[in-house]
Protein backbone atom coordinates (compact mmCIF):
# COMPACT_ATOMS: atom_id res chain seq x y z
CA MET A 1 118.14 113.80 85.99
CA ASN A 2 118.69 110.12 85.58
CA ALA A 3 118.12 109.66 89.30
CA ILE A 4 114.46 111.68 89.14
CA PHE A 5 113.69 109.70 85.96
CA THR A 6 114.43 106.55 87.99
CA ILE A 7 112.59 107.56 91.07
CA ILE A 8 109.55 108.61 88.94
CA LEU A 9 109.74 105.25 87.12
CA LEU A 10 110.02 103.36 90.69
CA VAL A 11 106.83 105.25 91.80
CA LEU A 12 104.83 104.60 89.05
CA ALA A 13 105.68 100.84 89.16
CA ASN A 14 104.84 100.55 92.78
CA VAL A 15 101.57 102.37 92.22
CA PHE A 16 100.52 99.81 89.86
CA MET A 17 101.95 96.69 91.85
CA THR A 18 100.13 98.09 94.70
CA PHE A 19 96.59 97.97 93.11
CA ALA A 20 97.68 94.31 91.45
CA TRP A 21 98.28 93.20 94.77
CA TYR A 22 95.74 94.99 97.01
CA GLY A 23 93.40 96.35 94.77
CA HIS A 24 90.85 93.43 94.64
CA LEU A 25 90.79 93.66 98.12
CA LYS A 26 89.08 97.04 97.83
CA LEU A 27 87.09 95.94 95.07
CA GLN A 28 85.80 93.35 97.26
CA GLU A 29 84.73 95.05 99.76
CA MET A 30 82.66 97.44 97.69
CA GLY A 31 80.96 94.61 96.49
CA LYS A 32 82.02 95.05 92.80
CA ILE A 33 83.92 91.37 92.62
CA SER A 34 82.54 89.55 95.24
CA ASN A 35 81.53 86.48 93.05
CA THR A 36 84.02 86.95 90.70
CA PRO A 37 86.61 83.76 90.19
CA LEU A 38 89.94 83.90 92.09
CA ILE A 39 91.47 83.00 88.52
CA LEU A 40 89.89 85.73 87.10
CA ILE A 41 91.02 88.09 89.98
CA ILE A 42 95.11 86.37 89.45
CA LEU A 43 94.77 87.26 85.77
CA GLY A 44 93.63 91.09 86.59
CA SER A 45 96.42 91.19 89.21
CA TRP A 46 98.75 89.87 86.52
CA LEU A 47 97.32 92.68 83.78
CA LEU A 48 98.16 95.26 86.46
CA ALA A 49 101.55 93.71 87.13
CA LEU A 50 102.44 93.50 83.60
CA PHE A 51 102.51 97.40 83.33
CA GLU A 52 104.36 97.35 87.00
CA TYR A 53 107.27 95.63 85.23
CA ALA A 54 107.32 97.58 82.06
CA LEU A 55 108.15 100.81 84.45
CA GLN A 56 110.17 98.74 87.41
CA ILE A 57 112.74 97.28 84.32
CA PRO A 58 113.58 100.19 82.62
CA ALA A 59 113.97 102.24 86.30
CA ASN A 60 116.63 99.82 87.01
CA ARG A 61 118.12 99.67 83.68
CA PHE A 62 118.34 103.24 83.69
CA GLY A 63 119.36 103.84 87.40
CA TYR A 64 121.91 101.14 87.99
CA ILE A 65 125.37 102.88 87.94
CA GLY A 66 126.65 99.82 85.71
CA ASN A 67 124.50 101.39 82.70
CA GLY A 68 125.45 104.74 83.12
CA GLY A 69 123.03 105.33 86.09
CA THR A 70 123.40 106.80 89.41
CA PHE A 71 122.83 103.82 92.01
CA SER A 72 124.74 100.77 93.11
CA LEU A 73 122.43 97.53 93.25
CA VAL A 74 121.61 98.06 96.68
CA GLN A 75 120.92 101.64 96.92
CA LEU A 76 118.28 100.87 93.68
CA LYS A 77 116.74 97.81 95.87
CA ILE A 78 116.43 100.07 99.17
CA ILE A 79 114.88 102.86 97.34
CA GLN A 80 112.54 100.62 96.04
CA GLU A 81 111.61 98.96 98.77
CA VAL A 82 110.86 102.33 100.71
CA ILE A 83 108.85 103.63 97.71
CA THR A 84 107.00 100.57 97.80
CA LEU A 85 105.88 101.30 101.68
CA LEU A 86 105.54 104.66 101.43
CA VAL A 87 103.16 103.80 98.08
CA PHE A 88 101.44 101.43 100.29
CA SER A 89 100.97 103.34 103.24
CA VAL A 90 99.04 106.11 101.41
CA PHE A 91 97.23 103.40 99.65
CA SER A 92 96.13 101.82 103.08
CA PHE A 93 95.44 105.40 104.37
CA VAL A 94 93.32 106.46 101.86
CA LEU A 95 91.50 103.63 100.58
CA PHE A 96 90.97 101.44 103.89
CA ASN A 97 91.26 104.12 106.37
CA VAL A 98 94.34 102.36 108.11
CA GLN A 99 95.01 104.84 111.23
CA ILE A 100 98.84 105.50 111.90
CA GLN A 101 100.16 104.25 114.75
CA TRP A 102 103.56 104.57 116.96
CA ASN A 103 105.14 101.58 115.38
CA HIS A 104 104.00 102.66 111.84
CA LEU A 105 106.29 105.80 112.77
CA ALA A 106 109.15 103.63 114.03
CA ALA A 107 109.31 101.63 111.14
CA PHE A 108 109.56 104.91 108.78
CA PHE A 109 112.17 106.02 111.28
CA CYS A 110 113.91 102.83 110.33
CA LEU A 111 113.70 103.36 106.72
CA ILE A 112 114.86 106.33 106.91
CA LEU A 113 117.99 105.21 108.61
CA ALA A 114 118.08 102.24 106.16
CA VAL A 115 118.78 104.99 103.19
CA TYR A 116 121.12 106.99 105.06
CA PHE A 117 123.32 104.06 106.12
CA VAL A 118 122.95 102.57 102.01
CA PHE A 119 124.25 105.88 100.55
CA MET A 120 127.02 106.56 103.66
CA LYS A 121 130.52 106.35 102.13
């Protein structure tokens, strides 16, 4: 149960972070923030990133084997990176209509290998 809770928190954290990093590009593309000063965009992104940290830190704390969790430090990092790229992929495919290319699939395959190797005994 701890592992599932950790992964759910990591997914939610990455959704907030993806919007903090890239959401302003979509808002700009839509003409919603075309004349907004960059400092306000940065502050808005920081506000979203605050929610990311509020989820990411507990995910790492609960998930870390040293705190009674399921995952080693390296496993937590690999899981987080895979989740980050999956969330970003969905974000870019849905909101920016990015087309899947062969190299995207090759990269996903490499991520699967990374997860396999990090969990290998």
